[in-house]
Amino acid sequence: MLAPLPPDDTPAERPAPQARDLIAGLEKGLAVICAFDQERPLLSVTEVAERCGLTRAAARRYLITLEHLGYMRSERGRWSLSAKV
C-alpha cells in the first residue's frame, strides 16, 4: 500500500524564490490590476502610476497592454477593469 502524499506547502512555509526566477513585468502588470477596487473602480493613468509605484509612462503602457488583452477598458481618460478580470 502506498503512503499518503504529504500536504502541499503553504506559501508561508515555502522559501522565497530567487529574483532570477521571478518575472518583474508580470508582477507589475498584476499590481496594475490590483490597483482597482470597489472604492476606486475608475482610475486615471496618474492614479495607477501613484498606486503602483510606476512612472506615468510605464503605467500607461501596462494599461494599454491590458486593454489590448481584454482586461481593461478606457473611456475619457479613466480606466476600469473589464469583466474578463
PDB file of N, CA and C in Angstrom:
ATOM      1  N   MET A   1       0.836  -1.165   0.000  1.00  0.00           N
ATOM      2  CA  MET A   1       0.000   0.000   0.000  1.00  0.00           C
ATOM      3  C   MET A   1       0.888   1.237   0.000  1.00  0.00           C
ATOM      4  N   LEU A   2       0.485   2.259  -0.783  1.00  0.00           N
ATOM      5  CA  LEU A   2       1.265   3.483  -0.881  1.00  0.00           C
ATOM      6  C   LEU A   2       0.974   4.398   0.290  1.00  0.00           C
ATOM      7  N   ALA A   3       2.013   5.079   0.731  1.00  0.00           N
ATOM      8  CA  ALA A   3       1.840   6.055   1.803  1.00  0.00           C
ATOM      9  C   ALA A   3       1.167   7.299   1.238  1.00  0.00           C
ATOM     10  N   PRO A   4       0.337   7.980   2.027  1.00  0.00           N
ATOM     11  CA  PRO A   4      -0.312   9.200   1.528  1.00  0.00           C
ATOM     12  C   PRO A   4       0.729  10.272   1.229  1.00  0.00           C
ATOM     13  N   LEU A   5       0.413  11.090   0.263  1.00  0.00           N
ATOM     14  CA  LEU A   5       1.301  12.194  -0.080  1.00  0.00           C
ATOM     15  C   LEU A   5       1.245  13.255   1.004  1.00  0.00           C
ATOM     16  N   PRO A   6       2.379  13.897   1.284  1.00  0.00           N
ATOM     17  CA  PRO A   6       2.351  14.972   2.277  1.00  0.00           C
ATOM     18  C   PRO A   6       1.552  16.155   1.726  1.00  0.00           C
ATOM     19  N   PRO A   7       0.952  16.938   2.615  1.00  0.00           N
ATOM     20  CA  PRO A   7       0.186  18.101   2.127  1.00  0.00           C
ATOM     21  C   PRO A   7       1.106  19.087   1.424  1.00  0.00           C
ATOM     22  N   ASP A   8       0.517  19.853   0.496  1.00  0.00           N
ATOM     23  CA  ASP A   8       1.292  20.887  -0.188  1.00  0.00           C
ATOM     24  C   ASP A   8       1.810  21.900   0.821  1.00  0.00           C
ATOM     25  N   ASP A   9       2.964  22.472   0.495  1.00  0.00           N
ATOM     26  CA  ASP A   9       3.497  23.546   1.330  1.00  0.00           C
ATOM     27  C   ASP A   9       2.579  24.758   1.235  1.00  0.00           C
ATOM     28  N   THR A  10       2.377  25.407   2.337  1.00  0.00           N
ATOM     29  CA  THR A  10       1.647  26.665   2.286  1.00  0.00           C
ATOM     30  C   THR A  10       2.649  27.753   1.903  1.00  0.00           C
ATOM     31  N   PRO A  11       2.194  28.866   1.341  1.00  0.00           N
ATOM     32  CA  PRO A  11       3.138  29.909   0.940  1.00  0.00           C
ATOM     33  C   PRO A  11       4.053  30.365   2.065  1.00  0.00           C
ATOM     34  N   ALA A  12       3.571  30.385   3.298  1.00  0.00           N
ATOM     35  CA  ALA A  12       4.400  30.832   4.418  1.00  0.00           C
ATOM     36  C   ALA A  12       5.549  29.858   4.684  1.00  0.00           C
ATOM     37  N   GLU A  13       5.375  28.597   4.318  1.00  0.00           N
ATOM     38  CA  GLU A  13       6.392  27.590   4.595  1.00  0.00           C
ATOM     39  C   GLU A  13       7.409  27.446   3.470  1.00  0.00           C
ATOM     40  N   ARG A  14       7.074  27.940   2.293  1.00  0.00           N
ATOM     41  CA  ARG A  14       7.982  27.821   1.161  1.00  0.00           C
ATOM     42  C   ARG A  14       9.085  28.866   1.261  1.00  0.00           C
ATOM     43  N   PRO A  15      10.278  28.501   0.834  1.00  0.00           N
ATOM     44  CA  PRO A  15      11.346  29.517   0.817  1.00  0.00           C
ATOM     45  C   PRO A  15      11.042  30.550  -0.273  1.00  0.00           C
ATOM     46  N   ALA A  16      11.473  31.769  -0.043  1.00  0.00           N
ATOM     47  CA  ALA A  16      11.256  32.828  -1.030  1.00  0.00           C
ATOM     48  C   ALA A  16      12.015  32.488  -2.312  1.00  0.00           C
ATOM     49  N   PRO A  17      11.406  32.723  -3.465  1.00  0.00           N
ATOM     50  CA  PRO A  17      12.104  32.444  -4.718  1.00  0.00           C
ATOM     51  C   PRO A  17      13.236  33.442  -4.931  1.00  0.00           C
ATOM     52  N   GLN A  18      14.195  33.041  -5.727  1.00  0.00           N
ATOM     53  CA  GLN A  18      15.296  33.939  -6.056  1.00  0.00           C
ATOM     54  C   GLN A  18      14.827  34.928  -7.113  1.00  0.00           C
ATOM     55  N   ALA A  19      15.389  36.107  -7.095  1.00  0.00           N
ATOM     56  CA  ALA A  19      14.979  37.172  -8.017  1.00  0.00           C
ATOM     57  C   ALA A  19      15.047  36.716  -9.474  1.00  0.00           C
ATOM     58  N   ARG A  20      16.012  35.909  -9.823  1.00  0.00           N
ATOM     59  CA  ARG A  20      16.160  35.475 -11.215  1.00  0.00           C
ATOM     60  C   ARG A  20      15.014  34.571 -11.676  1.00  0.00           C
ATOM     61  N   ASP A  21      14.255  34.032 -10.722  1.00  0.00           N
ATOM     62  CA  ASP A  21      13.141  33.156 -11.064  1.00  0.00           C
ATOM     63  C   ASP A  21      11.818  33.908 -11.195  1.00  0.00           C
ATOM     64  N   LEU A  22      11.824  35.201 -10.949  1.00  0.00           N
ATOM     65  CA  LEU A  22      10.599  36.000 -10.993  1.00  0.00           C
ATOM     66  C   LEU A  22      10.539  36.830 -12.273  1.00  0.00           C
ATOM     67  N   ILE A  23       9.333  37.141 -12.708  1.00  0.00           N
ATOM     68  CA  ILE A  23       9.119  37.971 -13.882  1.00  0.00           C
ATOM     69  C   ILE A  23       8.568  39.305 -13.390  1.00  0.00           C
ATOM     70  N   ALA A  24       9.415  40.320 -13.375  1.00  0.00           N
ATOM     71  CA  ALA A  24       9.048  41.620 -12.825  1.00  0.00           C
ATOM     72  C   ALA A  24       7.885  42.242 -13.596  1.00  0.00           C
ATOM     73  N   GLY A  25       7.856  42.075 -14.904  1.00  0.00           N
ATOM     74  CA  GLY A  25       6.778  42.651 -15.703  1.00  0.00           C
ATOM     75  C   GLY A  25       5.423  42.074 -15.342  1.00  0.00           C
ATOM     76  N   LEU A  26       5.367  40.788 -15.076  1.00  0.00           N
ATOM     77  CA  LEU A  26       4.111  40.161 -14.664  1.00  0.00           C
ATOM     78  C   LEU A  26       3.682  40.697 -13.308  1.00  0.00           C
ATOM     79  N   GLU A  27       4.635  40.819 -12.408  1.00  0.00           N
ATOM     80  CA  GLU A  27       4.346  41.357 -11.078  1.00  0.00           C
ATOM     81  C   GLU A  27       3.778  42.773 -11.181  1.00  0.00           C
ATOM     82  N   LYS A  28       4.357  43.602 -12.036  1.00  0.00           N
ATOM     83  CA  LYS A  28       3.878  44.976 -12.203  1.00  0.00           C
ATOM     84  C   LYS A  28       2.511  45.011 -12.876  1.00  0.00           C
ATOM     85  N   GLY A  29       2.304  44.151 -13.863  1.00  0.00           N
ATOM     86  CA  GLY A  29       1.005  44.091 -14.526  1.00  0.00           C
ATOM     87  C   GLY A  29      -0.105  43.689 -13.568  1.00  0.00           C
ATOM     88  N   LEU A  30       0.180  42.734 -12.710  1.00  0.00           N
ATOM     89  CA  LEU A  30      -0.811  42.329 -11.711  1.00  0.00           C
ATOM     90  C   LEU A  30      -1.026  43.424 -10.677  1.00  0.00           C
ATOM     91  N   ALA A  31       0.022  44.183 -10.362  1.00  0.00           N
ATOM     92  CA  ALA A  31      -0.136  45.313  -9.445  1.00  0.00           C
ATOM     93  C   ALA A  31      -1.077  46.348 -10.044  1.00  0.00           C
ATOM     94  N   VAL A  32      -0.986  46.557 -11.358  1.00  0.00           N
ATOM     95  CA  VAL A  32      -1.894  47.496 -12.030  1.00  0.00           C
ATOM     96  C   VAL A  32      -3.329  47.004 -11.885  1.00  0.00           C
ATOM     97  N   ILE A  33      -3.566  45.728 -12.117  1.00  0.00           N
ATOM     98  CA  ILE A  33      -4.917  45.180 -11.959  1.00  0.00           C
ATOM     99  C   ILE A  33      -5.394  45.355 -10.514  1.00  0.00           C
ATOM    100  N   CYS A  34      -4.516  45.081  -9.556  1.00  0.00           N
ATOM    101  CA  CYS A  34      -4.885  45.173  -8.137  1.00  0.00           C
ATOM    102  C   CYS A  34      -5.055  46.616  -7.660  1.00  0.00           C
ATOM    103  N   ALA A  35      -4.627  47.595  -8.439  1.00  0.00           N
ATOM    104  CA  ALA A  35      -4.808  48.999  -8.061  1.00  0.00           C
ATOM    105  C   ALA A  35      -6.287  49.375  -8.030  1.00  0.00           C
ATOM    106  N   PHE A  36      -7.105  48.630  -8.755  1.00  0.00           N
ATOM    107  CA  PHE A  36      -8.537  48.896  -8.827  1.00  0.00           C
ATOM    108  C   PHE A  36      -9.249  48.089  -7.748  1.00  0.00           C
ATOM    109  N   ASP A  37     -10.220  48.728  -7.093  1.00  0.00           N
ATOM    110  CA  ASP A  37     -11.013  48.018  -6.101  1.00  0.00           C
ATOM    111  C   ASP A  37     -12.416  48.608  -6.073  1.00  0.00           C
ATOM    112  N   GLN A  38     -13.228  48.158  -5.150  1.00  0.00           N
ATOM    113  CA  GLN A  38     -14.614  48.626  -5.101  1.00  0.00           C
ATOM    114  C   GLN A  38     -14.709  50.116  -4.810  1.00  0.00           C
ATOM    115  N   GLU A  39     -13.796  50.626  -4.010  1.00  0.00           N
ATOM    116  CA  GLU A  39     -13.810  52.055  -3.710  1.00  0.00           C
ATOM    117  C   GLU A  39     -13.244  52.890  -4.843  1.00  0.00           C
ATOM    118  N   ARG A  40     -12.411  52.290  -5.673  1.00  0.00           N
ATOM    119  CA  ARG A  40     -11.767  53.001  -6.787  1.00  0.00           C
ATOM    120  C   ARG A  40     -11.878  52.177  -8.067  1.00  0.00           C
ATOM    121  N   PRO A  41     -13.077  52.077  -8.626  1.00  0.00           N
ATOM    122  CA  PRO A  41     -13.245  51.278  -9.842  1.00  0.00           C
ATOM    123  C   PRO A  41     -12.776  51.994 -11.111  1.00  0.00           C
ATOM    124  N   LEU A  42     -12.630  53.311 -11.050  1.00  0.00           N
ATOM    125  CA  LEU A  42     -12.154  54.120 -12.175  1.00  0.00           C
ATOM    126  C   LEU A  42     -10.914  54.889 -11.741  1.00  0.00           C
ATOM    127  N   LEU A  43      -9.848  54.756 -12.503  1.00  0.00           N
ATOM    128  CA  LEU A  43      -8.601  55.449 -12.174  1.00  0.00           C
ATOM    129  C   LEU A  43      -8.010  56.084 -13.427  1.00  0.00           C
ATOM    130  N   SER A  44      -7.303  57.177 -13.233  1.00  0.00           N
ATOM    131  CA  SER A  44      -6.546  57.787 -14.325  1.00  0.00           C
ATOM    132  C   SER A  44      -5.174  57.109 -14.400  1.00  0.00           C
ATOM    133  N   VAL A  45      -4.455  57.374 -15.465  1.00  0.00           N
ATOM    134  CA  VAL A  45      -3.092  56.834 -15.594  1.00  0.00           C
ATOM    135  C   VAL A  45      -2.237  57.313 -14.425  1.00  0.00           C
ATOM    136  N   THR A  46      -2.367  58.570 -14.077  1.00  0.00           N
ATOM    137  CA  THR A  46      -1.588  59.133 -12.970  1.00  0.00           C
ATOM    138  C   THR A  46      -1.903  58.426 -11.657  1.00  0.00           C
ATOM    139  N   GLU A  47      -3.164  58.154 -11.406  1.00  0.00           N
ATOM    140  CA  GLU A  47      -3.549  57.457 -10.174  1.00  0.00           C
ATOM    141  C   GLU A  47      -3.000  56.039 -10.149  1.00  0.00           C
ATOM    142  N   VAL A  48      -3.057  55.353 -11.282  1.00  0.00           N
ATOM    143  CA  VAL A  48      -2.490  53.992 -11.352  1.00  0.00           C
ATOM    144  C   VAL A  48      -0.992  54.048 -11.088  1.00  0.00           C
ATOM    145  N   ALA A  49      -0.316  54.983 -11.710  1.00  0.00           N
ATOM    146  CA  ALA A  49       1.132  55.117 -11.517  1.00  0.00           C
ATOM    147  C   ALA A  49       1.464  55.335 -10.049  1.00  0.00           C
ATOM    148  N   GLU A  50       0.733  56.226  -9.400  1.00  0.00           N
ATOM    149  CA  GLU A  50       0.982  56.506  -7.981  1.00  0.00           C
ATOM    150  C   GLU A  50       0.705  55.296  -7.109  1.00  0.00           C
ATOM    151  N   ARG A  51      -0.383  54.603  -7.368  1.00  0.00           N
ATOM    152  CA  ARG A  51      -0.750  53.447  -6.540  1.00  0.00           C
ATOM    153  C   ARG A  51       0.212  52.278  -6.714  1.00  0.00           C
ATOM    154  N   CYS A  52       0.846  52.189  -7.901  1.00  0.00           N
ATOM    155  CA  CYS A  52       1.716  51.043  -8.201  1.00  0.00           C
ATOM    156  C   CYS A  52       3.210  51.368  -8.106  1.00  0.00           C
ATOM    157  N   GLY A  53       3.551  52.616  -7.882  1.00  0.00           N
ATOM    158  CA  GLY A  53       4.960  52.985  -7.833  1.00  0.00           C
ATOM    159  C   GLY A  53       5.627  52.929  -9.198  1.00  0.00           C
ATOM    160  N   LEU A  54       4.861  53.252 -10.231  1.00  0.00           N
ATOM    161  CA  LEU A  54       5.375  53.246 -11.598  1.00  0.00           C
ATOM    162  C   LEU A  54       5.464  54.667 -12.119  1.00  0.00           C
ATOM    163  N   THR A  55       6.238  54.860 -13.173  1.00  0.00           N
ATOM    164  CA  THR A  55       6.187  56.139 -13.858  1.00  0.00           C
ATOM    165  C   THR A  55       4.858  56.211 -14.597  1.00  0.00           C
ATOM    166  N   ARG A  56       4.452  57.414 -14.933  1.00  0.00           N
ATOM    167  CA  ARG A  56       3.203  57.581 -15.679  1.00  0.00           C
ATOM    168  C   ARG A  56       3.296  56.870 -17.039  1.00  0.00           C
ATOM    169  N   ALA A  57       4.444  56.954 -17.685  1.00  0.00           N
ATOM    170  CA  ALA A  57       4.634  56.302 -18.990  1.00  0.00           C
ATOM    171  C   ALA A  57       4.519  54.784 -18.877  1.00  0.00           C
ATOM    172  N   ALA A  58       5.113  54.218 -17.842  1.00  0.00           N
ATOM    173  CA  ALA A  58       5.041  52.768 -17.653  1.00  0.00           C
ATOM    174  C   ALA A  58       3.616  52.336 -17.345  1.00  0.00           C
ATOM    175  N   ALA A  59       2.943  53.074 -16.477  1.00  0.00           N
ATOM    176  CA  ALA A  59       1.548  52.746 -16.138  1.00  0.00           C
ATOM    177  C   ALA A  59       0.691  52.777 -17.396  1.00  0.00           C
ATOM    178  N   ARG A  60       0.890  53.781 -18.244  1.00  0.00           N
ATOM    179  CA  ARG A  60       0.137  53.887 -19.498  1.00  0.00           C
ATOM    180  C   ARG A  60       0.362  52.662 -20.377  1.00  0.00           C
ATOM    181  N   ARG A  61       1.615  52.222 -20.500  1.00  0.00           N
ATOM    182  CA  ARG A  61       1.917  51.040 -21.333  1.00  0.00           C
ATOM    183  C   ARG A  61       1.274  49.777 -20.762  1.00  0.00           C
ATOM    184  N   TYR A  62       1.314  49.612 -19.444  1.00  0.00           N
ATOM    185  CA  TYR A  62       0.656  48.451 -18.834  1.00  0.00           C
ATOM    186  C   TYR A  62      -0.845  48.495 -19.082  1.00  0.00           C
ATOM    187  N   LEU A  63      -1.455  49.666 -18.913  1.00  0.00           N
ATOM    188  CA  LEU A  63      -2.896  49.784 -19.135  1.00  0.00           C
ATOM    189  C   LEU A  63      -3.259  49.502 -20.591  1.00  0.00           C
ATOM    190  N   ILE A  64      -2.496  50.035 -21.521  1.00  0.00           N
ATOM    191  CA  ILE A  64      -2.769  49.792 -22.939  1.00  0.00           C
ATOM    192  C   ILE A  64      -2.620  48.306 -23.263  1.00  0.00           C
ATOM    193  N   THR A  65      -1.596  47.676 -22.731  1.00  0.00           N
ATOM    194  CA  THR A  65      -1.394  46.242 -22.958  1.00  0.00           C
ATOM    195  C   THR A  65      -2.542  45.433 -22.373  1.00  0.00           C
ATOM    196  N   LEU A  66      -2.942  45.764 -21.145  1.00  0.00           N
ATOM    197  CA  LEU A  66      -4.043  45.041 -20.513  1.00  0.00           C
ATOM    198  C   LEU A  66      -5.358  45.286 -21.248  1.00  0.00           C
ATOM    199  N   GLU A  67      -5.541  46.475 -21.802  1.00  0.00           N
ATOM    200  CA  GLU A  67      -6.734  46.742 -22.609  1.00  0.00           C
ATOM    201  C   GLU A  67      -6.697  45.898 -23.884  1.00  0.00           C
ATOM    202  N   HIS A  68      -5.548  45.833 -24.521  1.00  0.00           N
ATOM    203  CA  HIS A  68      -5.387  45.022 -25.739  1.00  0.00           C
ATOM    204  C   HIS A  68      -5.707  43.545 -25.466  1.00  0.00           C
ATOM    205  N   LEU A  69      -5.361  43.067 -24.282  1.00  0.00           N
ATOM    206  CA  LEU A  69      -5.608  41.672 -23.904  1.00  0.00           C
ATOM    207  C   LEU A  69      -7.013  41.439 -23.358  1.00  0.00           C
ATOM    208  N   GLY A  70      -7.774  42.519 -23.201  1.00  0.00           N
ATOM    209  CA  GLY A  70      -9.156  42.389 -22.764  1.00  0.00           C
ATOM    210  C   GLY A  70      -9.388  42.509 -21.273  1.00  0.00           C
ATOM    211  N   TYR A  71      -8.387  42.931 -20.504  1.00  0.00           N
ATOM    212  CA  TYR A  71      -8.524  43.017 -19.052  1.00  0.00           C
ATOM    213  C   TYR A  71      -8.906  44.410 -18.557  1.00  0.00           C
ATOM    214  N   MET A  72      -8.794  45.416 -19.415  1.00  0.00           N
ATOM    215  CA  MET A  72      -9.090  46.806 -19.047  1.00  0.00           C
ATOM    216  C   MET A  72      -9.988  47.439 -20.092  1.00  0.00           C
ATOM    217  N   ARG A  73     -10.664  48.509 -19.658  1.00  0.00           N
ATOM    218  CA  ARG A  73     -11.427  49.367 -20.564  1.00  0.00           C
ATOM    219  C   ARG A  73     -11.012  50.802 -20.264  1.00  0.00           C
ATOM    220  N   SER A  74     -11.098  51.639 -21.273  1.00  0.00           N
ATOM    221  CA  SER A  74     -10.820  53.054 -21.046  1.00  0.00           C
ATOM    222  C   SER A  74     -11.919  53.888 -21.688  1.00  0.00           C
ATOM    223  N   GLU A  75     -12.223  54.994 -21.002  1.00  0.00           N
ATOM    224  CA  GLU A  75     -13.209  55.925 -21.523  1.00  0.00           C
ATOM    225  C   GLU A  75     -12.900  57.303 -20.956  1.00  0.00           C
ATOM    226  N   ARG A  76     -12.647  58.240 -21.836  1.00  0.00           N
ATOM    227  CA  ARG A  76     -12.370  59.631 -21.474  1.00  0.00           C
ATOM    228  C   ARG A  76     -11.289  59.769 -20.401  1.00  0.00           C
ATOM    229  N   GLY A  77     -10.189  59.062 -20.578  1.00  0.00           N
ATOM    230  CA  GLY A  77      -9.051  59.197 -19.673  1.00  0.00           C
ATOM    231  C   GLY A  77      -9.158  58.454 -18.361  1.00  0.00           C
ATOM    232  N   ARG A  78     -10.198  57.669 -18.203  1.00  0.00           N
ATOM    233  CA  ARG A  78     -10.368  56.863 -16.986  1.00  0.00           C
ATOM    234  C   ARG A  78     -10.326  55.396 -17.384  1.00  0.00           C
ATOM    235  N   TRP A  79      -9.753  54.603 -16.539  1.00  0.00           N
ATOM    236  CA  TRP A  79      -9.588  53.169 -16.799  1.00  0.00           C
ATOM    237  C   TRP A  79     -10.377  52.375 -15.786  1.00  0.00           C
ATOM    238  N   SER A  80     -10.845  51.198 -16.200  1.00  0.00           N
ATOM    239  CA  SER A  80     -11.544  50.293 -15.290  1.00  0.00           C
ATOM    240  C   SER A  80     -11.256  48.867 -15.713  1.00  0.00           C
ATOM    241  N   LEU A  81     -11.495  47.954 -14.794  1.00  0.00           N
ATOM    242  CA  LEU A  81     -11.328  46.525 -15.092  1.00  0.00           C
ATOM    243  C   LEU A  81     -12.461  46.071 -15.988  1.00  0.00           C
ATOM    244  N   SER A  82     -12.177  45.152 -16.872  1.00  0.00           N
ATOM    245  CA  SER A  82     -13.226  44.568 -17.685  1.00  0.00           C
ATOM    246  C   SER A  82     -13.807  43.347 -16.965  1.00  0.00           C
ATOM    247  N   ALA A  83     -14.881  42.824 -17.507  1.00  0.00           N
ATOM    248  CA  ALA A  83     -15.495  41.628 -16.918  1.00  0.00           C
ATOM    249  C   ALA A  83     -14.554  40.418 -16.987  1.00  0.00           C
ATOM    250  N   LYS A  84     -13.580  40.461 -17.886  1.00  0.00           N
ATOM    251  CA  LYS A  84     -12.644  39.337 -18.039  1.00  0.00           C
ATOM    252  C   LYS A  84     -11.840  39.102 -16.758  1.00  0.00           C
ATOM    253  N   VAL A  85     -11.582  40.174 -16.014  1.00  0.00           N
ATOM    254  CA  VAL A  85     -10.811  40.027 -14.771  1.00  0.00           C
ATOM    255  C   VAL A  85     -11.636  39.253 -13.762  1.00  0.00           C
TER     256      VAL A  85
END
